Amino acid sequence: MATAPSVSYSMTVRLEVPASGTAVSQLTTAVESSGGSVTGLDVTASGHEKLRIDVTIAATSTAHAQEIVEKLRGIEGVSLGKVSDRTFLMHLGGKIEMSSKHPIRNRDDLSMVYTPGVARVCQAIAENPEDARRLTIKRNSVAVVTDGSAVLGLGNIGPKAALPVMEGKAALFKRFAGIDAWPICLDTQDSDEIVAIVKAIAPGFAGINLEDISAPRCFEIEARLREAVDIPVFHDDQHGTAIVVLAALTNALRVVDKKVEDVRVVMSGAGAAGTAILRLLTAAGVRHAVVADIHGVVHAGRQDLVSADPESPLRWIADNTNPEGVTGTLREAVRGADVFIGVSAPNVLSGDDVAAMADGAIVFALANPDPEVDPAIARQTAAVVATGRSDFPNQINNVLVFPGVFRGLLDAQSRTVNTEMMLAAAGALADVVHDDELNANYIIPSVFNDKVAGAVAGAVRDAARAVTSTTAV
């Protein structure tokens, strides 16, 4: 699949060129003939003989960017100066910071913000611990916790290398929901230690967002933490993905005029995201689902599952899907299917496989950066196509969900997050796309749609308060 130049691989190159002649046009020609894109060209200094020009270029990869630089270096009369990677510059020194909500200008301010005045607030919380939500940052704080074992598509790169992702997550919490989120990168991949550490830091937070923890450990860690702490624990790789997929599927089914209880869904991938998607789709009414992993279609009689732990996620899939007893490969299973959802690996399907699906087929190829099937090819026969990428229509992106979900949980002072809240979030997200906007290329709103976070937060808040009121009764 051809990849277009992306701002993710953008750089600014400082060049000195002759003031007269065709040097500037040679620069743009060199970039474009190399497959790059010039996104900015600024003259930063000028003299009678020379111009200093900063050229901003988008490439398709780090290696491609280096190729473009070498091509610029080879232009006669051009002197190459500093080359700046714009993405690395944005991360320089980190992307987030802590700031005070109140100025500390004099002794009076100091005495109230800190000692001795703060002691009175501490005593009030000691007498009534629930006041911590009212009188501290706890009410608006989420811990973004990782062990670095499954970071993006990079694998087990460890907690330090995971920190830029957790910082980014914290920045998105603030940008889209006004939540103060804190990156917590743990230098252990022992499940017992992770549970103990998160339980110990929980008093300072109103929610826990687990992130980039490998399966199957993530299932156990989440389940144990939900039992151990009195604040909601949400694994975004599982539940955030599931909510967006359900919202997108809801609208895709509206486009093709099919009902959720009638369609046959085939999924590639039985890891954390796949299992969570499946559970939420089942709760939403999907009755006919088949899942395939690296060993083929999951079914109760498969040799590796006969003696599997009854509590294991894969065994749950075997026991709760595939009512027709389908066996064989993913490609065999997808024939005649109404919906394909991929959360697995690149290029596991071809255009012929998509063409063999039912009329009005829906394809969600979510592996990133390379989907399970080339979206451009899938669109030739499928009615609706979605990916995890930003350069195709219908991007399935967790940013659509986790800020609003936590905003609603925090506003409701919820102690948990459950399936009803996630279904409410998915419904609210789907409803952001109105009937007069809905089409095959617009089944899910943009992450920058200013209605998204508020709609999701409101739905989750109402569902969470309903749980609280029921519990109180």
Protein backbone atom coordinates (compact mmCIF):
# COMPACT_ATOMS: atom_id res chain seq x y z
CA MET A 1 0.00 0.00 0.00
CA ALA A 2 1.47 3.34 -1.04
CA THR A 3 2.02 5.74 1.83
CA ALA A 4 1.50 9.47 1.45
CA PRO A 5 3.89 12.01 3.01
CA SER A 6 2.91 12.67 6.61
CA VAL A 7 3.48 15.43 9.13
CA SER A 8 4.65 12.63 11.47
CA TYR A 9 7.83 12.51 9.35
CA SER A 10 8.25 16.21 8.75
CA MET A 11 11.47 18.17 9.01
CA THR A 12 12.74 21.67 8.49
CA VAL A 13 15.96 21.96 6.49
CA ARG A 14 18.03 25.16 6.56
CA LEU A 15 19.72 25.89 3.24
CA GLU A 16 21.84 28.65 1.74
CA VAL A 17 21.24 29.18 -1.97
CA PRO A 18 22.36 31.73 -4.58
CA ALA A 19 20.16 34.84 -4.53
CA SER A 20 19.70 34.73 -8.29
CA GLY A 21 18.86 31.90 -10.65
CA THR A 22 16.63 28.85 -10.26
CA ALA A 23 17.85 27.46 -6.95
CA VAL A 24 14.49 27.81 -5.19
CA SER A 25 12.58 25.95 -7.90
CA GLN A 26 15.31 23.31 -7.89
CA LEU A 27 14.67 22.74 -4.16
CA THR A 28 10.96 22.08 -4.61
CA THR A 29 11.57 19.92 -7.67
CA ALA A 30 14.14 17.83 -5.79
CA VAL A 31 11.73 17.23 -2.91
CA GLU A 32 8.71 16.41 -5.05
CA SER A 33 10.65 14.17 -7.44
CA SER A 34 11.75 12.19 -4.37
CA GLY A 35 8.17 11.59 -3.31
CA GLY A 36 8.15 14.24 -0.55
CA SER A 37 5.97 17.30 -0.12
CA VAL A 38 7.05 20.89 0.54
CA THR A 39 4.69 22.27 3.21
CA GLY A 40 6.57 25.51 3.93
CA LEU A 41 9.29 27.65 2.45
CA ASP A 42 10.53 30.66 4.44
CA VAL A 43 13.32 33.10 3.60
CA THR A 44 14.97 33.74 6.97
CA ALA A 45 17.86 35.93 5.75
CA SER A 46 18.73 37.67 2.51
CA GLY A 47 21.85 39.26 1.01
CA HIS A 48 23.07 40.31 -2.41
CA GLU A 49 24.65 36.94 -3.08
CA LYS A 50 22.87 34.43 -0.85
CA LEU A 51 19.46 33.55 0.53
CA ARG A 52 18.94 31.53 3.69
CA ILE A 53 15.81 29.41 3.32
CA ASP A 54 14.05 27.10 5.77
CA VAL A 55 12.23 24.40 3.83
CA THR A 56 9.64 22.33 5.69
CA ILE A 57 9.16 18.91 4.14
CA ALA A 58 6.83 15.97 4.77
CA ALA A 59 8.15 12.47 4.07
CA THR A 60 6.80 8.94 4.38
CA SER A 61 9.39 7.56 6.81
CA THR A 62 12.64 8.41 8.58
CA ALA A 63 14.63 6.74 5.82
CA HIS A 64 12.69 8.65 3.17
CA ALA A 65 13.39 11.93 4.95
CA GLN A 66 17.12 11.16 4.92
CA GLU A 67 16.96 10.39 1.19
CA ILE A 68 15.37 13.78 0.53
CA VAL A 69 18.05 15.54 2.57
CA GLU A 70 20.79 13.85 0.56
CA LYS A 71 19.11 14.91 -2.68
CA LEU A 72 19.03 18.52 -1.48
CA ARG A 73 22.67 18.28 -0.48
CA GLY A 74 23.54 17.30 -4.04
CA ILE A 75 22.12 20.43 -5.68
CA GLU A 76 24.96 22.56 -7.06
CA GLY A 77 25.45 25.83 -5.22
CA VAL A 78 23.29 24.81 -2.27
CA SER A 79 24.80 24.66 1.21
CA LEU A 80 23.02 22.43 3.72
CA GLY A 81 22.69 23.68 7.29
CA LYS A 82 20.70 22.43 10.26
CA VAL A 83 18.09 19.68 9.78
CA SER A 84 15.37 19.64 12.45
CA ASP A 85 12.91 16.79 12.96
CA ARG A 86 9.68 18.63 13.84
CA THR A 87 8.20 15.71 15.77
CA PHE A 88 11.28 15.41 17.99
CA LEU A 89 11.25 19.18 18.54
CA MET A 90 7.65 18.95 19.79
CA HIS A 91 8.74 16.33 22.34
CA LEU A 92 11.82 18.24 23.51
CA GLY A 93 11.60 18.51 27.30
CA GLY A 94 8.26 16.69 27.30
CA LYS A 95 4.79 17.78 26.18
CA ILE A 96 3.04 18.50 29.47
CA GLU A 97 3.70 20.48 32.63
CA MET A 98 2.16 21.15 36.04
CA SER A 99 0.97 24.67 36.79
CA SER A 100 -0.55 26.29 39.85
CA LYS A 101 -4.19 27.39 39.81
CA HIS A 102 -3.47 30.21 42.24
CA PRO A 103 -0.66 32.78 42.19
CA ILE A 104 1.69 32.75 45.18
CA ARG A 105 2.52 36.46 45.44
CA ASN A 106 3.08 37.10 49.12
CA ARG A 107 3.07 35.59 52.62
CA ASP A 108 -0.72 35.50 52.79
CA ASP A 109 -0.93 33.38 49.65
CA LEU A 110 1.85 31.12 50.90
CA SER A 111 0.12 30.68 54.26
CA MET A 112 -3.13 29.55 52.63
CA VAL A 113 -1.70 27.45 49.81
CA TYR A 114 0.83 25.81 52.12
CA THR A 115 1.61 25.88 55.80
CA PRO A 116 0.05 26.71 58.19
CA GLY A 117 -3.34 27.08 56.46
CA VAL A 118 -3.18 23.81 54.58
CA ALA A 119 -3.21 21.89 57.87
CA ARG A 120 -6.86 22.78 58.41
CA VAL A 121 -7.77 21.29 55.05
CA CYS A 122 -5.80 18.13 55.87
CA GLN A 123 -7.69 17.77 59.14
CA ALA A 124 -11.03 18.18 57.37
CA ILE A 125 -10.15 15.38 54.95
CA ALA A 126 -8.91 13.17 57.78
CA GLU A 127 -12.30 13.56 59.46
CA ASN A 128 -14.21 13.00 56.19
CA PRO A 129 -12.10 11.27 53.50
CA GLU A 130 -14.77 11.93 50.85
CA ASP A 131 -13.80 15.61 51.07
CA ALA A 132 -10.63 14.71 49.13
CA ARG A 133 -12.72 14.90 45.95
CA ARG A 134 -13.94 18.36 46.90
CA LEU A 135 -10.77 19.90 48.33
CA THR A 136 -7.94 18.38 46.25
CA ILE A 137 -6.92 17.72 42.69
CA LYS A 138 -8.24 14.17 43.10
CA ARG A 139 -11.65 15.20 41.77
CA ASN A 140 -10.18 15.91 38.32
CA SER A 141 -7.17 13.57 38.15
CA VAL A 142 -6.58 10.37 36.20
CA ALA A 143 -3.50 8.14 36.38
CA VAL A 144 -2.38 6.91 32.96
CA VAL A 145 -0.60 3.68 33.91
CA THR A 146 1.61 1.49 31.72
CA ASP A 147 4.37 -1.06 32.05
CA GLY A 148 5.59 -0.48 28.49
CA SER A 149 4.87 -4.04 27.41
CA ALA A 150 2.65 -3.33 24.38
CA VAL A 151 3.28 0.23 23.21
CA LEU A 152 1.42 1.20 20.03
CA GLY A 153 2.69 -1.18 17.35
CA LEU A 154 6.20 -1.15 18.82
CA GLY A 155 5.83 -4.04 21.26
CA ASN A 156 7.60 -4.44 24.59
CA ILE A 157 9.83 -1.36 24.61
CA GLY A 158 9.72 -0.69 28.35
CA PRO A 159 8.47 2.11 30.60
CA LYS A 160 10.93 4.85 29.64
CA ALA A 161 10.26 4.46 25.93
CA ALA A 162 6.52 4.40 26.69
CA LEU A 163 6.62 7.78 28.43
CA PRO A 164 6.14 9.92 25.27
CA VAL A 165 2.91 8.04 24.54
CA MET A 166 1.63 8.49 28.10
CA GLU A 167 2.50 12.21 27.95
CA GLY A 168 0.54 12.44 24.72
CA LYS A 169 -2.39 10.70 26.35
CA ALA A 170 -2.28 13.18 29.23
CA ALA A 171 -2.21 16.09 26.77
CA LEU A 172 -5.30 14.71 25.02
CA PHE A 173 -7.16 14.32 28.32
CA LYS A 174 -6.55 18.01 29.00
CA ARG A 175 -7.28 19.21 25.46
CA PHE A 176 -10.56 17.38 24.96
CA ALA A 177 -12.00 17.03 28.48
CA GLY A 178 -10.14 19.42 30.79
CA ILE A 179 -8.85 16.50 32.87
CA ASP A 180 -5.51 16.52 34.66
CA ALA A 181 -3.88 13.21 33.72
CA TRP A 182 -0.52 12.00 34.99
CA PRO A 183 1.79 9.55 33.22
CA ILE A 184 2.71 6.66 35.51
CA CYS A 185 5.31 4.39 33.86
CA LEU A 186 6.09 1.36 36.00
CA ASP A 187 9.45 -0.41 35.86
CA THR A 188 7.92 -3.83 36.40
CA GLN A 189 5.89 -6.25 34.31
CA ASP A 190 4.91 -8.40 37.23
CA SER A 191 1.12 -8.39 37.52
CA ASP A 192 1.11 -8.64 41.32
CA GLU A 193 3.46 -5.66 41.63
CA ILE A 194 1.44 -3.57 39.17
CA VAL A 195 -1.78 -4.23 41.05
CA ALA A 196 -0.13 -3.40 44.38
CA ILE A 197 1.44 -0.18 43.09
CA VAL A 198 -1.72 1.12 41.44
CA LYS A 199 -3.76 0.24 44.52
CA ALA A 200 -1.26 2.18 46.65
CA ILE A 201 -1.40 5.36 44.51
CA ALA A 202 -5.16 5.26 43.93
CA PRO A 203 -6.05 7.70 46.79
CA GLY A 204 -4.60 10.57 44.73
CA PHE A 205 -6.76 9.92 41.68
CA ALA A 206 -10.42 9.74 40.64
CA GLY A 207 -9.79 7.24 37.83
CA ILE A 208 -7.22 4.82 36.44
CA ASN A 209 -6.54 4.56 32.70
CA LEU A 210 -4.52 1.43 31.93
CA GLU A 211 -2.55 1.77 28.72
CA ASP A 212 -0.32 -0.39 26.51
CA ILE A 213 -0.18 -3.44 28.81
CA SER A 214 0.15 -6.71 26.93
CA ALA A 215 -2.48 -9.43 26.78
CA PRO A 216 -3.42 -11.63 28.50
CA ARG A 217 -1.92 -9.90 31.57
CA CYS A 218 -4.02 -6.79 30.96
CA PHE A 219 -7.25 -8.75 31.58
CA GLU A 220 -6.12 -9.98 34.98
CA ILE A 221 -4.65 -6.62 36.04
CA GLU A 222 -7.82 -4.74 35.15
CA ALA A 223 -10.11 -7.26 36.85
CA ARG A 224 -8.08 -7.30 40.04
CA LEU A 225 -7.81 -3.53 40.21
CA ARG A 226 -11.55 -3.10 39.77
CA GLU A 227 -11.97 -5.26 42.87
CA ALA A 228 -9.19 -3.51 44.80
CA VAL A 229 -9.92 0.22 44.34
CA ASP A 230 -12.97 2.43 44.76
CA ILE A 231 -12.47 4.40 41.54
CA PRO A 232 -13.15 3.41 37.90
CA VAL A 233 -10.47 1.40 36.08
CA PHE A 234 -10.60 1.60 32.29
CA HIS A 235 -8.23 -0.17 29.91
CA ASP A 236 -8.38 2.09 26.86
CA ASP A 237 -6.79 -0.40 24.47
CA GLN A 238 -9.72 -2.70 25.22
CA HIS A 239 -12.74 -0.62 26.05
CA GLY A 240 -11.94 2.63 24.26
CA THR A 241 -11.45 0.73 21.03
CA ALA A 242 -14.61 -1.30 21.61
CA ILE A 243 -16.76 1.79 22.15
CA VAL A 244 -15.57 3.52 18.98
CA VAL A 245 -16.00 0.33 16.94
CA LEU A 246 -19.57 -0.12 18.21
CA ALA A 247 -20.41 3.52 17.45
CA ALA A 248 -18.97 3.24 13.94
CA LEU A 249 -20.71 -0.07 13.32
CA THR A 250 -24.02 1.38 14.49
CA ASN A 251 -23.80 4.08 11.85
CA ALA A 252 -22.37 1.80 9.16
CA LEU A 253 -25.39 -0.47 9.61
CA ARG A 254 -27.62 2.56 9.14
CA VAL A 255 -25.86 3.26 5.84
CA VAL A 256 -26.39 -0.28 4.51
CA ASP A 257 -29.83 -0.66 6.16
CA LYS A 258 -29.05 -3.79 8.17
CA LYS A 259 -29.86 -4.67 11.78
CA VAL A 260 -27.23 -5.53 14.37
CA GLU A 261 -28.98 -8.73 15.40
CA ASP A 262 -29.09 -10.01 11.81
CA VAL A 263 -25.54 -9.44 10.57
CA ARG A 264 -22.74 -11.99 10.59
CA VAL A 265 -19.55 -10.47 11.98
CA VAL A 266 -16.11 -11.96 11.37
CA MET A 267 -13.23 -10.65 13.45
CA SER A 268 -9.49 -11.07 12.99
CA GLY A 269 -7.66 -10.81 16.31
CA ALA A 270 -8.44 -12.30 19.71
CA GLY A 271 -6.20 -10.14 21.89
CA ALA A 272 -7.18 -7.39 24.32
CA ALA A 273 -8.92 -5.15 21.79
CA GLY A 274 -10.60 -8.00 19.93
CA THR A 275 -12.01 -9.57 23.08
CA ALA A 276 -13.35 -6.25 24.39
CA ILE A 277 -14.91 -5.40 21.03
CA LEU A 278 -16.58 -8.79 20.92
CA ARG A 279 -17.98 -8.50 24.45
CA LEU A 280 -19.44 -5.05 23.74
CA LEU A 281 -20.87 -6.06 20.37
CA THR A 282 -22.51 -9.05 22.04
CA ALA A 283 -24.00 -6.77 24.69
CA ALA A 284 -25.27 -4.51 21.87
CA GLY A 285 -27.12 -7.37 20.20
CA VAL A 286 -24.72 -9.10 17.79
CA ARG A 287 -25.78 -12.75 17.61
CA HIS A 288 -23.62 -14.16 14.85
CA ALA A 289 -19.90 -13.62 15.38
CA VAL A 290 -16.88 -15.64 14.33
CA VAL A 291 -13.35 -14.86 15.52
CA ALA A 292 -10.05 -15.96 13.99
CA ASP A 293 -6.59 -15.71 15.48
CA ILE A 294 -3.18 -16.83 14.23
CA HIS A 295 -4.29 -20.48 14.50
CA GLY A 296 -7.51 -20.03 12.51
CA VAL A 297 -11.16 -19.79 13.48
CA VAL A 298 -11.83 -20.03 17.22
CA HIS A 299 -14.30 -22.80 18.05
CA ALA A 300 -14.99 -24.96 21.09
CA GLY A 301 -13.54 -28.10 19.52
CA ARG A 302 -10.22 -26.62 18.50
CA GLN A 303 -7.44 -28.76 19.92
CA ASP A 304 -5.62 -25.95 21.77
CA LEU A 305 -8.87 -24.88 23.46
CA VAL A 306 -10.25 -28.22 24.64
CA SER A 307 -8.23 -28.08 27.87
CA ALA A 308 -7.90 -24.29 28.09
CA ASP A 309 -8.56 -22.45 31.34
CA PRO A 310 -12.37 -21.89 31.48
CA GLU A 311 -11.71 -18.32 32.66
CA SER A 312 -9.32 -17.46 29.82
CA PRO A 313 -10.45 -14.84 27.26
CA LEU A 314 -9.93 -17.22 24.35
CA ARG A 315 -12.07 -19.87 26.01
CA TRP A 316 -14.77 -17.23 26.58
CA ILE A 317 -14.69 -16.46 22.85
CA ALA A 318 -15.00 -20.15 22.00
CA ASP A 319 -17.98 -20.55 24.34
CA ASN A 320 -19.83 -17.37 23.34
CA THR A 321 -19.36 -17.06 19.56
CA ASN A 322 -19.54 -19.13 16.41
CA PRO A 323 -22.95 -20.73 17.01
CA GLU A 324 -22.78 -22.37 13.57
CA GLY A 325 -19.51 -24.16 14.44
CA VAL A 326 -17.47 -22.61 11.62
CA THR A 327 -13.92 -23.98 11.31
CA GLY A 328 -10.99 -23.30 9.00
CA THR A 329 -9.21 -20.06 8.10
CA LEU A 330 -10.10 -16.41 8.33
CA ARG A 331 -10.46 -16.19 4.56
CA GLU A 332 -12.89 -19.07 4.55
CA ALA A 333 -14.90 -17.56 7.41
CA VAL A 334 -15.20 -14.13 5.82
CA ARG A 335 -17.02 -15.43 2.73
CA GLY A 336 -20.59 -14.18 2.85
CA ALA A 337 -20.01 -12.18 6.04
CA ASP A 338 -21.74 -8.81 6.47
CA VAL A 339 -19.01 -7.27 8.64
CA PHE A 340 -15.27 -7.73 8.95
CA ILE A 341 -13.44 -6.21 11.92
CA GLY A 342 -9.65 -6.49 12.00
CA VAL A 343 -7.52 -5.81 15.06
CA SER A 344 -4.65 -8.05 14.10
CA ALA A 345 -1.96 -7.79 11.43
CA PRO A 346 -1.35 -6.28 7.98
CA ASN A 347 -2.57 -7.82 4.74
CA VAL A 348 -4.42 -10.86 6.08
CA LEU A 349 -7.16 -10.32 3.47
CA SER A 350 -7.14 -9.50 -0.23
CA GLY A 351 -9.53 -7.62 -2.45
CA ASP A 352 -10.96 -10.96 -3.60
CA ASP A 353 -11.76 -11.85 0.02
CA VAL A 354 -13.69 -8.59 0.47
CA ALA A 355 -15.49 -9.15 -2.83
CA ALA A 356 -16.63 -12.54 -1.50
CA MET A 357 -18.44 -10.92 1.44
CA ALA A 358 -22.18 -10.23 1.42
CA ASP A 359 -23.73 -7.33 -0.47
CA GLY A 360 -23.43 -4.11 1.49
CA ALA A 361 -20.31 -5.37 3.24
CA ILE A 362 -18.70 -3.38 6.06
CA VAL A 363 -14.92 -3.57 6.51
CA PHE A 364 -13.13 -2.17 9.57
CA ALA A 365 -9.41 -2.82 8.94
CA LEU A 366 -7.86 -1.33 12.06
CA ALA A 367 -4.28 -2.65 12.18
CA ASN A 368 -1.90 0.32 12.25
CA PRO A 369 -0.06 1.57 10.31
CA ASP A 370 -0.76 -1.14 7.73
CA PRO A 371 -4.35 -2.45 7.77
CA GLU A 372 -5.55 -6.02 7.29
CA VAL A 373 -6.52 -5.14 3.71
CA ASP A 374 -5.63 -2.14 1.55
CA PRO A 375 -8.53 0.30 2.18
CA ALA A 376 -8.44 1.56 -1.41
CA ILE A 377 -8.90 -1.99 -2.69
CA ALA A 378 -11.55 -2.84 -0.07
CA ARG A 379 -13.57 0.20 -1.12
CA GLN A 380 -13.94 -1.23 -4.62
CA THR A 381 -16.48 -3.79 -3.40
CA ALA A 382 -17.32 -3.00 0.25
CA ALA A 383 -20.08 -0.50 1.01
CA VAL A 384 -18.34 1.02 4.04
CA VAL A 385 -14.64 0.95 4.96
CA ALA A 386 -13.00 2.26 8.13
CA THR A 387 -9.38 2.17 9.32
CA GLY A 388 -7.26 3.32 12.22
CA ARG A 389 -5.44 5.78 9.95
CA SER A 390 -5.93 9.52 9.60
CA ASP A 391 -5.35 9.57 5.83
CA PHE A 392 -8.53 7.61 4.99
CA PRO A 393 -12.18 8.39 5.79
CA ASN A 394 -13.77 6.93 8.91
CA GLN A 395 -10.85 6.85 11.33
CA ILE A 396 -11.49 4.61 14.36
CA ASN A 397 -9.60 6.56 17.01
CA ASN A 398 -9.76 6.09 20.79
CA VAL A 399 -9.40 9.86 21.24
CA LEU A 400 -13.09 10.00 20.37
CA VAL A 401 -13.88 8.13 23.57
CA PHE A 402 -11.54 8.18 26.56
CA PRO A 403 -11.67 11.93 27.34
CA GLY A 404 -15.48 11.99 27.38
CA VAL A 405 -15.79 8.68 29.21
CA PHE A 406 -13.57 9.87 32.05
CA ARG A 407 -15.18 13.33 32.09
CA GLY A 408 -18.53 11.64 32.68
CA LEU A 409 -17.14 9.24 35.29
CA LEU A 410 -15.42 12.04 37.19
CA ASP A 411 -18.45 14.33 37.07
CA ALA A 412 -20.63 11.53 38.47
CA GLN A 413 -17.98 10.64 41.07
CA SER A 414 -18.40 7.09 39.88
CA ARG A 415 -16.61 4.27 41.64
CA THR A 416 -16.71 1.93 38.66
CA VAL A 417 -17.23 1.68 34.90
CA ASN A 418 -19.52 -0.99 33.46
CA THR A 419 -21.01 -2.26 30.22
CA GLU A 420 -24.08 -0.01 30.46
CA MET A 421 -21.86 3.07 30.63
CA MET A 422 -19.84 1.90 27.63
CA LEU A 423 -22.99 1.20 25.62
CA ALA A 424 -24.23 4.68 26.50
CA ALA A 425 -20.91 6.17 25.33
CA ALA A 426 -21.10 4.31 22.02
CA GLY A 427 -24.69 5.42 21.44
CA ALA A 428 -23.87 9.04 22.18
CA LEU A 429 -20.84 8.98 19.88
CA ALA A 430 -22.88 7.47 17.05
CA ASP A 431 -25.60 10.08 17.52
CA VAL A 432 -23.13 12.93 16.97
CA VAL A 433 -23.41 12.04 13.27
CA HIS A 434 -26.88 13.29 12.29
CA ASP A 435 -29.04 11.68 9.62
CA ASP A 436 -28.37 14.48 7.14
CA GLU A 437 -24.60 14.01 7.59
CA LEU A 438 -24.43 10.21 7.47
CA ASN A 439 -22.88 8.53 4.44
CA ALA A 440 -20.41 5.75 3.62
CA ASN A 441 -17.46 8.10 4.11
CA TYR A 442 -18.76 9.69 7.32
CA ILE A 443 -19.92 7.15 9.89
CA ILE A 444 -17.85 8.54 12.77
CA PRO A 445 -17.14 12.18 13.67
CA SER A 446 -13.76 13.85 13.62
CA VAL A 447 -11.76 13.91 16.84
CA PHE A 448 -11.90 17.71 16.55
CA ASN A 449 -15.70 17.81 16.44
CA ASP A 450 -16.45 19.93 19.51
CA LYS A 451 -19.66 18.00 20.25
CA VAL A 452 -17.97 14.64 20.80
CA ALA A 453 -16.50 14.87 24.30
CA GLY A 454 -19.56 16.58 25.74
CA ALA A 455 -21.98 14.10 24.21
CA VAL A 456 -20.00 11.08 25.44
CA ALA A 457 -19.47 12.65 28.88
CA GLY A 458 -23.16 13.41 29.30
CA ALA A 459 -24.22 9.88 28.39
CA VAL A 460 -21.65 8.28 30.69
CA ARG A 461 -22.48 10.69 33.52
CA ASP A 462 -26.20 9.82 33.32
CA ALA A 463 -25.49 6.08 33.18
CA ALA A 464 -23.05 6.31 36.10
CA ARG A 465 -25.50 8.31 38.22
CA ALA A 466 -28.18 5.72 37.51
CA VAL A 467 -25.84 3.06 38.91
CA THR A 468 -25.15 5.21 41.98
CA SER A 469 -28.83 5.85 42.65
CA THR A 470 -29.67 2.16 42.22
CA THR A 471 -26.88 1.22 44.60
CA ALA A 472 -28.08 3.78 47.14
CA VAL A 473 -31.59 2.30 47.05
